Amino acid sequence: MGDHRPRRGQAPALQPLGPHHLGERGRLHQQPHAGRLGRHPAERRSRASAERGRPQAEAVVEVVNLRSARVAGLVLLAVAVAVAGYFGARALWGTDPEHVYGARDTAVEVSPGETFTIEVDANPTTGFKWIVDRPAPARRVVEALGEDYEGDGSDRVGAGGTLRLRFQAKDAGSTEIKLLHCMRCGTPSAEPEGDGAESLTFHVTVR
């Protein structure tokens, strides 16, 4: 066995300290550290919290996307309804929706080739009807395309509706369309008769 005592003038060799040399206080102050096989406990807790919060964040994003899709769908639906209404009116009446005139809008202004509609309240059950009175409108300016009647949709006996008369503008010029609401309209120039009799004159300008 050798002699491990330090020689004179030589410092004693330091021995590594193990956990049994640190005592209870030293062991309590030892901090765990991440090794090759694991992560620091604080890092693991942070990662676990992030993993738990991810589904909630994804759910919020999904709700926002769903609401955006619904709003976009409603906008597209509104546009589709507007377009369908526009072309539906053209197909049904042969006229643009803005080219519709009534008893309180008798000044008609259109361009050559355009069509327009005159609407008046009507009720055939009363015995009165609307006719285009003479003198007829100048055919070089406007041409009659036809007429149709639509009830108000109610089931009441004697319920009225709307009479629509369609015309097309021809060449530039002006003329008048005179409508007569009469009970006996068999004469070439019938006169209004009775309480429901009336006449309307539409001034048409094509330019």
N, C-alpha and C. Protein backbone atom coordinates (compact mmCIF):
# COMPACT_ATOMS: atom_id res chain seq x y z
N MET A 1 0.85 -1.20 0.00
CA MET A 1 0.00 0.00 0.00
C MET A 1 0.87 1.23 0.00
N GLY A 2 0.50 2.21 -0.78
CA GLY A 2 1.32 3.41 -0.87
C GLY A 2 1.00 4.40 0.21
N ASP A 3 1.82 5.32 0.35
CA ASP A 3 1.61 6.37 1.35
C ASP A 3 0.96 7.53 0.67
N HIS A 4 -0.37 7.84 1.08
CA HIS A 4 -1.16 8.92 0.48
C HIS A 4 -1.03 10.20 1.24
N ARG A 5 -0.20 10.23 2.23
CA ARG A 5 -0.07 11.48 2.98
C ARG A 5 0.66 12.49 2.12
N PRO A 6 0.24 13.76 2.17
CA PRO A 6 0.90 14.77 1.35
C PRO A 6 2.29 15.05 1.84
N ARG A 7 3.12 15.24 0.89
CA ARG A 7 4.49 15.60 1.23
C ARG A 7 4.55 17.04 1.69
N ARG A 8 5.65 17.31 2.30
CA ARG A 8 5.81 18.67 2.79
C ARG A 8 5.85 19.64 1.60
N GLY A 9 5.04 20.71 1.75
CA GLY A 9 4.97 21.73 0.70
C GLY A 9 4.00 21.41 -0.43
N GLN A 10 3.34 20.27 -0.37
CA GLN A 10 2.39 19.86 -1.42
C GLN A 10 0.97 19.94 -0.88
N ALA A 11 0.05 20.57 -1.66
CA ALA A 11 -1.36 20.72 -1.21
C ALA A 11 -2.05 19.39 -1.27
N PRO A 12 -2.93 19.14 -0.33
CA PRO A 12 -3.65 17.85 -0.36
C PRO A 12 -4.56 17.76 -1.58
N ALA A 13 -4.68 16.59 -2.16
CA ALA A 13 -5.56 16.37 -3.35
C ALA A 13 -7.02 16.49 -2.96
N LEU A 14 -7.83 17.14 -3.87
CA LEU A 14 -9.27 17.32 -3.60
C LEU A 14 -10.02 16.10 -4.10
N GLN A 15 -10.90 15.59 -3.29
CA GLN A 15 -11.72 14.46 -3.64
C GLN A 15 -13.11 14.94 -4.11
N PRO A 16 -13.66 14.35 -5.19
CA PRO A 16 -15.01 14.75 -5.62
C PRO A 16 -16.04 14.48 -4.56
N LEU A 17 -16.98 15.40 -4.44
CA LEU A 17 -18.00 15.26 -3.41
C LEU A 17 -19.23 14.59 -4.01
N GLY A 18 -19.76 13.63 -3.36
CA GLY A 18 -20.98 12.96 -3.78
C GLY A 18 -22.16 13.46 -2.98
N PRO A 19 -23.33 12.98 -3.27
CA PRO A 19 -24.51 13.41 -2.54
C PRO A 19 -24.40 13.16 -1.06
N HIS A 20 -23.62 12.10 -0.65
CA HIS A 20 -23.53 11.81 0.77
C HIS A 20 -22.66 12.82 1.48
N HIS A 21 -21.81 13.59 0.74
CA HIS A 21 -21.01 14.63 1.36
C HIS A 21 -21.77 15.94 1.49
N LEU A 22 -22.90 16.14 0.73
CA LEU A 22 -23.59 17.44 0.73
C LEU A 22 -24.50 17.62 1.92
N GLY A 23 -24.95 16.54 2.46
CA GLY A 23 -25.88 16.64 3.56
C GLY A 23 -27.29 16.96 3.07
N GLU A 24 -28.22 17.09 4.02
CA GLU A 24 -29.63 17.33 3.69
C GLU A 24 -29.82 18.65 2.97
N ARG A 25 -29.14 19.75 3.36
CA ARG A 25 -29.28 21.06 2.74
C ARG A 25 -28.78 21.02 1.32
N GLY A 26 -27.67 20.34 1.08
CA GLY A 26 -27.13 20.29 -0.28
C GLY A 26 -28.03 19.53 -1.23
N ARG A 27 -28.61 18.44 -0.72
CA ARG A 27 -29.49 17.66 -1.59
C ARG A 27 -30.76 18.43 -1.96
N LEU A 28 -31.26 19.26 -1.03
CA LEU A 28 -32.47 20.03 -1.33
C LEU A 28 -32.20 21.10 -2.35
N HIS A 29 -30.95 21.60 -2.43
CA HIS A 29 -30.64 22.67 -3.36
C HIS A 29 -30.19 22.17 -4.72
N GLN A 30 -30.09 20.84 -4.88
CA GLN A 30 -29.75 20.33 -6.20
C GLN A 30 -30.96 20.50 -7.12
N GLN A 31 -30.74 21.11 -8.31
CA GLN A 31 -31.81 21.36 -9.26
C GLN A 31 -31.81 20.29 -10.34
N PRO A 32 -32.99 19.79 -10.65
CA PRO A 32 -33.03 18.81 -11.76
C PRO A 32 -32.72 19.51 -13.06
N HIS A 33 -32.14 18.76 -13.96
CA HIS A 33 -31.82 19.32 -15.25
C HIS A 33 -32.21 18.33 -16.33
N ALA A 34 -32.37 18.89 -17.55
CA ALA A 34 -32.78 18.07 -18.68
C ALA A 34 -31.64 17.20 -19.13
N GLY A 35 -31.92 15.94 -19.31
CA GLY A 35 -30.91 15.03 -19.81
C GLY A 35 -31.22 14.64 -21.22
N ARG A 36 -30.53 13.64 -21.65
CA ARG A 36 -30.75 13.20 -23.01
C ARG A 36 -32.10 12.54 -23.19
N LEU A 37 -32.66 11.98 -22.09
CA LEU A 37 -33.88 11.19 -22.22
C LEU A 37 -35.13 11.97 -21.83
N GLY A 38 -35.04 13.25 -21.44
CA GLY A 38 -36.23 13.98 -21.01
C GLY A 38 -36.02 15.47 -21.08
N ARG A 39 -37.13 16.22 -20.80
CA ARG A 39 -37.09 17.66 -20.81
C ARG A 39 -37.20 18.17 -19.39
N HIS A 40 -36.85 19.42 -19.22
CA HIS A 40 -36.98 20.08 -17.94
C HIS A 40 -38.46 20.07 -17.54
N PRO A 41 -38.80 19.82 -16.28
CA PRO A 41 -40.22 19.77 -15.88
C PRO A 41 -40.99 21.03 -16.24
N ALA A 42 -40.38 22.21 -16.07
CA ALA A 42 -41.06 23.45 -16.42
C ALA A 42 -41.39 23.50 -17.91
N GLU A 43 -40.45 23.01 -18.73
CA GLU A 43 -40.67 23.00 -20.18
C GLU A 43 -41.78 22.03 -20.54
N ARG A 44 -41.81 20.88 -19.82
CA ARG A 44 -42.87 19.92 -20.10
C ARG A 44 -44.24 20.50 -19.74
N ARG A 45 -44.32 21.23 -18.60
CA ARG A 45 -45.60 21.85 -18.22
C ARG A 45 -46.05 22.88 -19.24
N SER A 46 -45.11 23.71 -19.72
CA SER A 46 -45.43 24.74 -20.72
C SER A 46 -45.93 24.09 -22.02
N ARG A 47 -45.26 23.00 -22.42
CA ARG A 47 -45.67 22.31 -23.66
C ARG A 47 -47.05 21.68 -23.50
N ALA A 48 -47.32 21.13 -22.32
CA ALA A 48 -48.62 20.52 -22.08
C ALA A 48 -49.73 21.56 -22.11
N SER A 49 -49.45 22.76 -21.52
CA SER A 49 -50.46 23.83 -21.55
C SER A 49 -50.75 24.27 -22.98
N ALA A 50 -49.70 24.38 -23.78
CA ALA A 50 -49.88 24.77 -25.18
C ALA A 50 -50.70 23.74 -25.94
N GLU A 51 -50.44 22.44 -25.65
CA GLU A 51 -51.19 21.39 -26.33
C GLU A 51 -52.66 21.44 -25.93
N ARG A 52 -52.94 21.75 -24.63
CA ARG A 52 -54.33 21.84 -24.20
C ARG A 52 -55.04 23.04 -24.82
N GLY A 53 -54.34 24.14 -25.04
CA GLY A 53 -54.95 25.32 -25.60
C GLY A 53 -55.15 25.26 -27.09
N ARG A 54 -54.43 24.36 -27.79
CA ARG A 54 -54.51 24.31 -29.24
C ARG A 54 -55.90 23.95 -29.73
N PRO A 55 -56.59 22.93 -29.16
CA PRO A 55 -57.94 22.62 -29.65
C PRO A 55 -58.90 23.79 -29.51
N GLN A 56 -58.80 24.58 -28.40
CA GLN A 56 -59.68 25.73 -28.23
C GLN A 56 -59.44 26.77 -29.31
N ALA A 57 -58.15 27.04 -29.58
CA ALA A 57 -57.83 28.02 -30.63
C ALA A 57 -58.34 27.55 -31.99
N GLU A 58 -58.17 26.26 -32.27
CA GLU A 58 -58.64 25.73 -33.55
C GLU A 58 -60.16 25.83 -33.64
N ALA A 59 -60.87 25.63 -32.51
CA ALA A 59 -62.33 25.73 -32.51
C ALA A 59 -62.78 27.15 -32.79
N VAL A 60 -62.09 28.13 -32.20
CA VAL A 60 -62.43 29.54 -32.44
C VAL A 60 -62.24 29.88 -33.91
N VAL A 61 -61.11 29.45 -34.49
CA VAL A 61 -60.85 29.71 -35.90
C VAL A 61 -61.92 29.08 -36.78
N GLU A 62 -62.35 27.86 -36.42
CA GLU A 62 -63.37 27.18 -37.21
C GLU A 62 -64.70 27.92 -37.15
N VAL A 63 -65.07 28.45 -35.96
CA VAL A 63 -66.32 29.21 -35.83
C VAL A 63 -66.27 30.47 -36.67
N VAL A 64 -65.14 31.18 -36.63
CA VAL A 64 -64.98 32.41 -37.42
C VAL A 64 -65.09 32.10 -38.91
N ASN A 65 -64.43 31.03 -39.35
CA ASN A 65 -64.51 30.65 -40.77
C ASN A 65 -65.93 30.29 -41.17
N LEU A 66 -66.65 29.61 -40.27
CA LEU A 66 -68.03 29.21 -40.58
C LEU A 66 -68.93 30.43 -40.72
N ARG A 67 -68.75 31.41 -39.80
CA ARG A 67 -69.57 32.62 -39.88
C ARG A 67 -69.25 33.40 -41.15
N SER A 68 -67.97 33.49 -41.51
CA SER A 68 -67.60 34.19 -42.74
C SER A 68 -68.22 33.52 -43.96
N ALA A 69 -68.21 32.18 -43.94
CA ALA A 69 -68.80 31.45 -45.07
C ALA A 69 -70.31 31.70 -45.16
N ARG A 70 -70.98 31.79 -43.99
CA ARG A 70 -72.42 32.05 -44.01
C ARG A 70 -72.72 33.44 -44.53
N VAL A 71 -71.93 34.43 -44.11
CA VAL A 71 -72.14 35.80 -44.60
C VAL A 71 -71.94 35.86 -46.10
N ALA A 72 -70.85 35.22 -46.58
CA ALA A 72 -70.59 35.21 -48.02
C ALA A 72 -71.73 34.52 -48.77
N GLY A 73 -72.26 33.44 -48.19
CA GLY A 73 -73.37 32.73 -48.83
C GLY A 73 -74.62 33.59 -48.91
N LEU A 74 -74.91 34.36 -47.85
CA LEU A 74 -76.09 35.24 -47.87
C LEU A 74 -75.93 36.35 -48.91
N VAL A 75 -74.72 36.89 -49.03
CA VAL A 75 -74.48 37.93 -50.03
C VAL A 75 -74.69 37.38 -51.43
N LEU A 76 -74.14 36.19 -51.69
CA LEU A 76 -74.32 35.58 -53.01
C LEU A 76 -75.78 35.28 -53.29
N LEU A 77 -76.51 34.85 -52.25
CA LEU A 77 -77.93 34.55 -52.43
C LEU A 77 -78.71 35.82 -52.78
N ALA A 78 -78.40 36.94 -52.10
CA ALA A 78 -79.08 38.20 -52.39
C ALA A 78 -78.81 38.66 -53.82
N VAL A 79 -77.56 38.51 -54.25
CA VAL A 79 -77.21 38.90 -55.62
C VAL A 79 -77.95 38.01 -56.62
N ALA A 80 -78.01 36.71 -56.33
CA ALA A 80 -78.69 35.79 -57.25
C ALA A 80 -80.18 36.11 -57.36
N VAL A 81 -80.81 36.45 -56.21
CA VAL A 81 -82.23 36.79 -56.23
C VAL A 81 -82.47 38.06 -57.04
N ALA A 82 -81.59 39.06 -56.86
CA ALA A 82 -81.74 40.31 -57.60
C ALA A 82 -81.60 40.08 -59.10
N VAL A 83 -80.59 39.28 -59.48
CA VAL A 83 -80.38 39.01 -60.91
C VAL A 83 -81.55 38.22 -61.48
N ALA A 84 -82.03 37.22 -60.72
CA ALA A 84 -83.15 36.42 -61.20
C ALA A 84 -84.41 37.27 -61.35
N GLY A 85 -84.63 38.20 -60.40
CA GLY A 85 -85.79 39.09 -60.51
C GLY A 85 -85.71 39.98 -61.73
N TYR A 86 -84.50 40.48 -62.00
CA TYR A 86 -84.34 41.37 -63.16
C TYR A 86 -84.65 40.64 -64.46
N PHE A 87 -83.98 39.48 -64.67
CA PHE A 87 -84.19 38.76 -65.92
C PHE A 87 -85.56 38.10 -65.97
N GLY A 88 -86.13 37.78 -64.78
CA GLY A 88 -87.49 37.25 -64.76
C GLY A 88 -88.51 38.26 -65.24
N ALA A 89 -88.31 39.51 -64.83
CA ALA A 89 -89.22 40.57 -65.29
C ALA A 89 -89.10 40.77 -66.80
N ARG A 90 -87.87 40.70 -67.30
CA ARG A 90 -87.68 40.86 -68.75
C ARG A 90 -88.35 39.73 -69.51
N ALA A 91 -88.19 38.48 -68.98
CA ALA A 91 -88.77 37.34 -69.69
C ALA A 91 -90.30 37.34 -69.62
N LEU A 92 -90.85 37.78 -68.45
CA LEU A 92 -92.30 37.72 -68.26
C LEU A 92 -93.02 38.85 -68.97
N TRP A 93 -92.48 40.07 -68.84
CA TRP A 93 -93.20 41.21 -69.39
C TRP A 93 -92.53 41.79 -70.63
N GLY A 94 -91.34 41.32 -70.98
CA GLY A 94 -90.66 41.86 -72.13
C GLY A 94 -90.21 43.29 -71.92
N THR A 95 -89.95 43.68 -70.68
CA THR A 95 -89.57 45.05 -70.38
C THR A 95 -88.63 45.08 -69.20
N ASP A 96 -87.81 46.12 -69.12
CA ASP A 96 -86.98 46.31 -67.95
C ASP A 96 -87.87 46.74 -66.79
N PRO A 97 -87.51 46.34 -65.53
CA PRO A 97 -88.35 46.69 -64.38
C PRO A 97 -88.57 48.19 -64.23
N GLU A 98 -87.59 49.03 -64.62
CA GLU A 98 -87.76 50.47 -64.44
C GLU A 98 -88.66 51.10 -65.48
N HIS A 99 -88.99 50.36 -66.55
CA HIS A 99 -89.85 50.88 -67.61
C HIS A 99 -91.30 50.44 -67.39
N VAL A 100 -91.79 50.69 -66.19
CA VAL A 100 -93.18 50.37 -65.85
C VAL A 100 -93.84 51.67 -65.40
N TYR A 101 -94.99 51.97 -65.99
CA TYR A 101 -95.68 53.24 -65.72
C TYR A 101 -97.09 52.95 -65.23
N GLY A 102 -97.61 53.88 -64.41
CA GLY A 102 -98.95 53.71 -63.85
C GLY A 102 -99.76 54.99 -63.96
N ALA A 103 -100.89 55.00 -63.22
CA ALA A 103 -101.83 56.12 -63.32
C ALA A 103 -101.20 57.42 -62.84
N ARG A 104 -100.20 57.38 -61.97
CA ARG A 104 -99.57 58.60 -61.47
C ARG A 104 -98.24 58.88 -62.14
N ASP A 105 -97.92 58.14 -63.17
CA ASP A 105 -96.65 58.32 -63.88
C ASP A 105 -96.93 58.22 -65.36
N THR A 106 -97.47 59.28 -65.93
CA THR A 106 -97.96 59.23 -67.30
C THR A 106 -96.98 59.80 -68.33
N ALA A 107 -95.81 60.25 -67.88
CA ALA A 107 -94.79 60.76 -68.81
C ALA A 107 -93.81 59.63 -69.12
N VAL A 108 -93.89 59.09 -70.32
CA VAL A 108 -93.08 57.93 -70.72
C VAL A 108 -91.92 58.41 -71.59
N GLU A 109 -90.70 58.07 -71.18
CA GLU A 109 -89.51 58.41 -71.97
C GLU A 109 -88.68 57.14 -72.16
N VAL A 110 -88.53 56.73 -73.40
CA VAL A 110 -87.80 55.51 -73.73
C VAL A 110 -86.95 55.74 -74.96
N SER A 111 -86.09 54.77 -75.26
CA SER A 111 -85.23 54.82 -76.44
C SER A 111 -85.77 53.87 -77.50
N PRO A 112 -85.45 54.10 -78.76
CA PRO A 112 -85.92 53.19 -79.82
C PRO A 112 -85.51 51.74 -79.53
N GLY A 113 -86.47 50.84 -79.71
CA GLY A 113 -86.22 49.43 -79.48
C GLY A 113 -86.56 48.96 -78.07
N GLU A 114 -86.68 49.86 -77.10
CA GLU A 114 -87.01 49.47 -75.74
C GLU A 114 -88.50 49.17 -75.60
N THR A 115 -88.82 48.32 -74.63
CA THR A 115 -90.21 48.00 -74.35
C THR A 115 -90.60 48.63 -73.02
N PHE A 116 -91.87 48.88 -72.83
CA PHE A 116 -92.36 49.44 -71.57
C PHE A 116 -93.76 48.90 -71.31
N THR A 117 -94.16 48.97 -70.05
CA THR A 117 -95.45 48.44 -69.61
C THR A 117 -96.25 49.52 -68.91
N ILE A 118 -97.55 49.55 -69.17
CA ILE A 118 -98.48 50.44 -68.46
C ILE A 118 -99.36 49.54 -67.58
N GLU A 119 -99.39 49.84 -66.29
CA GLU A 119 -100.18 49.06 -65.34
C GLU A 119 -101.32 49.91 -64.80
N VAL A 120 -102.52 49.31 -64.76
CA VAL A 120 -103.69 50.00 -64.19
C VAL A 120 -104.49 48.99 -63.37
N ASP A 121 -105.16 49.49 -62.33
CA ASP A 121 -106.03 48.63 -61.53
C ASP A 121 -107.26 48.26 -62.35
N ALA A 122 -107.66 47.01 -62.23
CA ALA A 122 -108.81 46.54 -63.01
C ALA A 122 -109.60 45.53 -62.20
N ASN A 123 -110.88 45.45 -62.53
CA ASN A 123 -111.76 44.48 -61.90
C ASN A 123 -112.86 44.10 -62.88
N PRO A 124 -112.65 43.04 -63.64
CA PRO A 124 -113.62 42.65 -64.67
C PRO A 124 -115.00 42.31 -64.12
N THR A 125 -115.10 41.95 -62.83
CA THR A 125 -116.39 41.56 -62.27
C THR A 125 -117.36 42.74 -62.17
N THR A 126 -116.85 43.97 -62.26
CA THR A 126 -117.73 45.15 -62.19
C THR A 126 -118.38 45.48 -63.52
N GLY A 127 -117.91 44.85 -64.59
CA GLY A 127 -118.43 45.14 -65.91
C GLY A 127 -117.62 46.20 -66.64
N PHE A 128 -116.67 46.86 -65.94
CA PHE A 128 -115.83 47.86 -66.58
C PHE A 128 -114.56 47.19 -67.13
N LYS A 129 -114.05 47.78 -68.19
CA LYS A 129 -112.79 47.30 -68.74
C LYS A 129 -112.00 48.47 -69.32
N TRP A 130 -110.70 48.25 -69.49
CA TRP A 130 -109.82 49.26 -70.07
C TRP A 130 -109.63 48.97 -71.56
N ILE A 131 -109.68 50.03 -72.36
CA ILE A 131 -109.36 49.90 -73.78
C ILE A 131 -108.43 51.04 -74.18
N VAL A 132 -107.68 50.84 -75.28
CA VAL A 132 -106.89 51.92 -75.85
C VAL A 132 -107.81 52.70 -76.77
N ASP A 133 -108.09 53.93 -76.39
CA ASP A 133 -109.06 54.74 -77.12
C ASP A 133 -108.43 55.36 -78.38
N ARG A 134 -109.28 55.78 -79.27
CA ARG A 134 -108.84 56.48 -80.47
C ARG A 134 -108.69 57.98 -80.17
N PRO A 135 -107.81 58.64 -80.86
CA PRO A 135 -106.94 58.11 -81.92
C PRO A 135 -105.84 57.22 -81.36
N ALA A 136 -105.55 56.16 -82.05
CA ALA A 136 -104.52 55.23 -81.63
C ALA A 136 -103.14 55.90 -81.66
N PRO A 137 -102.21 55.44 -80.84
CA PRO A 137 -100.86 56.02 -80.87
C PRO A 137 -100.19 55.80 -82.22
N ALA A 138 -99.32 56.73 -82.59
CA ALA A 138 -98.64 56.64 -83.89
C ALA A 138 -97.80 55.37 -83.95
N ARG A 139 -98.06 54.53 -84.95
CA ARG A 139 -97.38 53.25 -85.03
C ARG A 139 -95.90 53.38 -85.39
N ARG A 140 -95.54 54.50 -86.00
CA ARG A 140 -94.12 54.67 -86.30
C ARG A 140 -93.32 54.99 -85.04
N VAL A 141 -94.03 55.37 -83.95
CA VAL A 141 -93.38 55.73 -82.69
C VAL A 141 -93.46 54.57 -81.68
N VAL A 142 -94.65 54.01 -81.51
CA VAL A 142 -94.82 52.87 -80.59
C VAL A 142 -95.68 51.80 -81.24
N GLU A 143 -95.49 50.58 -80.78
CA GLU A 143 -96.28 49.44 -81.27
C GLU A 143 -96.80 48.65 -80.07
N ALA A 144 -98.09 48.29 -80.10
CA ALA A 144 -98.70 47.51 -79.02
C ALA A 144 -98.25 46.05 -79.13
N LEU A 145 -97.85 45.47 -78.01
CA LEU A 145 -97.39 44.08 -77.99
C LEU A 145 -98.41 43.12 -77.38
N GLY A 146 -99.39 43.64 -76.65
CA GLY A 146 -100.38 42.76 -76.04
C GLY A 146 -100.67 43.20 -74.61
N GLU A 147 -101.55 42.46 -73.97
CA GLU A 147 -101.95 42.77 -72.60
C GLU A 147 -102.28 41.49 -71.85
N ASP A 148 -102.25 41.58 -70.51
CA ASP A 148 -102.64 40.44 -69.68
C ASP A 148 -103.14 40.97 -68.34
N TYR A 149 -103.95 40.15 -67.69
CA TYR A 149 -104.56 40.52 -66.41
C TYR A 149 -104.08 39.55 -65.34
N GLU A 150 -103.80 40.09 -64.16
CA GLU A 150 -103.38 39.27 -63.02
C GLU A 150 -104.22 39.65 -61.81
N GLY A 151 -104.89 38.64 -61.20
CA GLY A 151 -105.67 38.90 -60.00
C GLY A 151 -104.79 39.18 -58.80
N ASP A 152 -105.40 39.69 -57.73
CA ASP A 152 -104.61 40.05 -56.55
C ASP A 152 -104.29 38.85 -55.67
N GLY A 153 -104.75 37.65 -56.06
CA GLY A 153 -104.41 36.44 -55.32
C GLY A 153 -105.35 36.11 -54.19
N SER A 154 -106.34 36.95 -53.91
CA SER A 154 -107.28 36.67 -52.82
C SER A 154 -108.43 35.80 -53.32
N ASP A 155 -109.13 35.18 -52.37
CA ASP A 155 -110.27 34.33 -52.72
C ASP A 155 -111.60 35.07 -52.61
N ARG A 156 -111.55 36.35 -52.36
CA ARG A 156 -112.79 37.12 -52.21
C ARG A 156 -113.53 37.22 -53.54
N VAL A 157 -114.83 37.11 -53.47
CA VAL A 157 -115.65 37.25 -54.67
C VAL A 157 -115.61 38.71 -55.11
N GLY A 158 -115.35 38.94 -56.40
CA GLY A 158 -115.31 40.29 -56.92
C GLY A 158 -114.00 41.01 -56.68
N ALA A 159 -112.97 40.27 -56.23
CA ALA A 159 -111.67 40.90 -56.00
C ALA A 159 -111.07 41.34 -57.33
N GLY A 160 -110.34 42.45 -57.29
CA GLY A 160 -109.75 42.99 -58.51
C GLY A 160 -108.34 42.50 -58.73
N GLY A 161 -107.64 43.22 -59.61
CA GLY A 161 -106.26 42.84 -59.93
C GLY A 161 -105.59 43.95 -60.73
N THR A 162 -104.67 43.57 -61.60
CA THR A 162 -103.88 44.53 -62.37
C THR A 162 -103.88 44.15 -63.84
N LEU A 163 -104.16 45.15 -64.68
CA LEU A 163 -104.08 44.96 -66.13
C LEU A 163 -102.76 45.57 -66.61
N ARG A 164 -102.02 44.80 -67.40
CA ARG A 164 -100.73 45.27 -67.93
C ARG A 164 -100.81 45.32 -69.46
N LEU A 165 -100.46 46.47 -69.99
CA LEU A 165 -100.41 46.66 -71.44
C LEU A 165 -98.97 46.92 -71.83
N ARG A 166 -98.47 46.15 -72.81
CA ARG A 166 -97.06 46.23 -73.19
C ARG A 166 -96.92 46.88 -74.56
N PHE A 167 -95.89 47.71 -74.66
CA PHE A 167 -95.62 48.44 -75.90
C PHE A 167 -94.11 48.40 -76.18
N GLN A 168 -93.76 48.65 -77.43
CA GLN A 168 -92.36 48.76 -77.83
C GLN A 168 -92.14 50.07 -78.59
N ALA A 169 -91.07 50.77 -78.19
CA ALA A 169 -90.73 52.02 -78.88
C ALA A 169 -90.09 51.71 -80.23
N LYS A 170 -90.49 52.46 -81.25
CA LYS A 170 -89.96 52.24 -82.60
C LYS A 170 -88.95 53.34 -82.96
N ASP A 171 -89.38 54.33 -83.68
CA ASP A 171 -88.50 55.43 -84.10
C ASP A 171 -88.68 56.62 -83.17
N ALA A 172 -87.72 57.52 -83.24
CA ALA A 172 -87.78 58.73 -82.43
C ALA A 172 -89.01 59.55 -82.78
N GLY A 173 -89.64 60.12 -81.77
CA GLY A 173 -90.84 60.92 -81.98
C GLY A 173 -91.65 60.96 -80.70
N SER A 174 -92.85 61.47 -80.78
CA SER A 174 -93.74 61.56 -79.63
C SER A 174 -95.17 61.22 -80.05
N THR A 175 -95.92 60.66 -79.12
CA THR A 175 -97.31 60.30 -79.37
C THR A 175 -98.02 60.17 -78.03
N GLU A 176 -99.30 59.83 -78.06
CA GLU A 176 -100.07 59.66 -76.84
C GLU A 176 -100.78 58.31 -76.87
N ILE A 177 -100.87 57.72 -75.67
CA ILE A 177 -101.65 56.49 -75.49
C ILE A 177 -102.78 56.84 -74.53
N LYS A 178 -104.00 56.81 -75.03
CA LYS A 178 -105.16 57.16 -74.23
C LYS A 178 -105.92 55.90 -73.83
N LEU A 179 -106.05 55.69 -72.52
CA LEU A 179 -106.78 54.53 -72.01
C LEU A 179 -108.14 54.99 -71.49
N LEU A 180 -109.16 54.18 -71.78
CA LEU A 180 -110.52 54.51 -71.37
C LEU A 180 -111.07 53.36 -70.52
N HIS A 181 -111.59 53.71 -69.37
CA HIS A 181 -112.19 52.73 -68.46
C HIS A 181 -113.71 52.89 -68.56
N CYS A 182 -114.35 51.96 -69.26
CA CYS A 182 -115.77 52.12 -69.54
C CYS A 182 -116.51 50.79 -69.44
N MET A 183 -117.84 50.89 -69.32
CA MET A 183 -118.65 49.68 -69.21
C MET A 183 -119.12 49.20 -70.59
N ARG A 184 -119.50 50.10 -71.44
CA ARG A 184 -119.92 49.74 -72.79
C ARG A 184 -118.93 50.38 -73.75
N CYS A 185 -117.99 49.55 -74.21
CA CYS A 185 -116.91 50.08 -75.03
C CYS A 185 -117.02 49.58 -76.46
N GLY A 186 -118.23 49.38 -76.95
CA GLY A 186 -118.40 48.82 -78.28
C GLY A 186 -118.32 49.84 -79.39
N THR A 187 -118.41 51.11 -79.07
CA THR A 187 -118.38 52.13 -80.10
C THR A 187 -116.94 52.50 -80.44
N PRO A 188 -116.67 53.04 -81.65
CA PRO A 188 -115.31 53.42 -82.02
C PRO A 188 -114.67 54.38 -81.04
N SER A 189 -115.45 55.25 -80.42
CA SER A 189 -114.92 56.19 -79.43
C SER A 189 -115.87 56.18 -78.25
N ALA A 190 -115.66 55.23 -77.37
CA ALA A 190 -116.57 55.07 -76.24
C ALA A 190 -116.38 56.20 -75.25
N GLU A 191 -117.46 56.54 -74.56
CA GLU A 191 -117.41 57.57 -73.53
C GLU A 191 -117.48 56.90 -72.15
N PRO A 192 -116.75 57.44 -71.18
CA PRO A 192 -116.84 56.87 -69.82
C PRO A 192 -118.26 56.98 -69.29
N GLU A 193 -118.71 55.93 -68.61
CA GLU A 193 -120.04 55.92 -68.04
C GLU A 193 -119.97 55.32 -66.64
N GLY A 194 -120.82 55.81 -65.74
CA GLY A 194 -120.92 55.24 -64.41
C GLY A 194 -119.87 55.80 -63.46
N ASP A 195 -119.98 55.33 -62.19
CA ASP A 195 -119.09 55.82 -61.13
C ASP A 195 -117.65 55.37 -61.33
N GLY A 196 -117.44 54.26 -62.01
CA GLY A 196 -116.08 53.76 -62.18
C GLY A 196 -115.41 54.22 -63.46
N ALA A 197 -116.07 55.10 -64.19
CA ALA A 197 -115.52 55.53 -65.48
C ALA A 197 -114.38 56.52 -65.26
N GLU A 198 -113.37 56.39 -66.08
CA GLU A 198 -112.23 57.32 -66.05
C GLU A 198 -111.39 57.12 -67.30
N SER A 199 -110.48 58.06 -67.52
CA SER A 199 -109.58 57.95 -68.66
C SER A 199 -108.19 58.40 -68.24
N LEU A 200 -107.18 57.84 -68.89
CA LEU A 200 -105.79 58.18 -68.62
C LEU A 200 -105.09 58.43 -69.96
N THR A 201 -104.24 59.45 -69.98
CA THR A 201 -103.49 59.75 -71.20
C THR A 201 -102.00 59.71 -70.87
N PHE A 202 -101.26 58.85 -71.58
CA PHE A 202 -99.82 58.72 -71.39
C PHE A 202 -99.10 59.41 -72.54
N HIS A 203 -98.22 60.33 -72.20
CA HIS A 203 -97.45 61.08 -73.19
C HIS A 203 -96.11 60.37 -73.40
N VAL A 204 -95.92 59.83 -74.59
CA VAL A 204 -94.75 59.00 -74.89
C VAL A 204 -93.76 59.79 -75.74
N THR A 205 -92.51 59.77 -75.28
CA THR A 205 -91.43 60.40 -76.04
C THR A 205 -90.35 59.35 -76.29
N VAL A 206 -90.01 59.16 -77.56
CA VAL A 206 -88.96 58.20 -77.94
C VAL A 206 -87.79 58.99 -78.48
N ARG A 207 -86.63 58.84 -77.85
CA ARG A 207 -85.44 59.55 -78.32
C ARG A 207 -84.18 58.85 -77.85
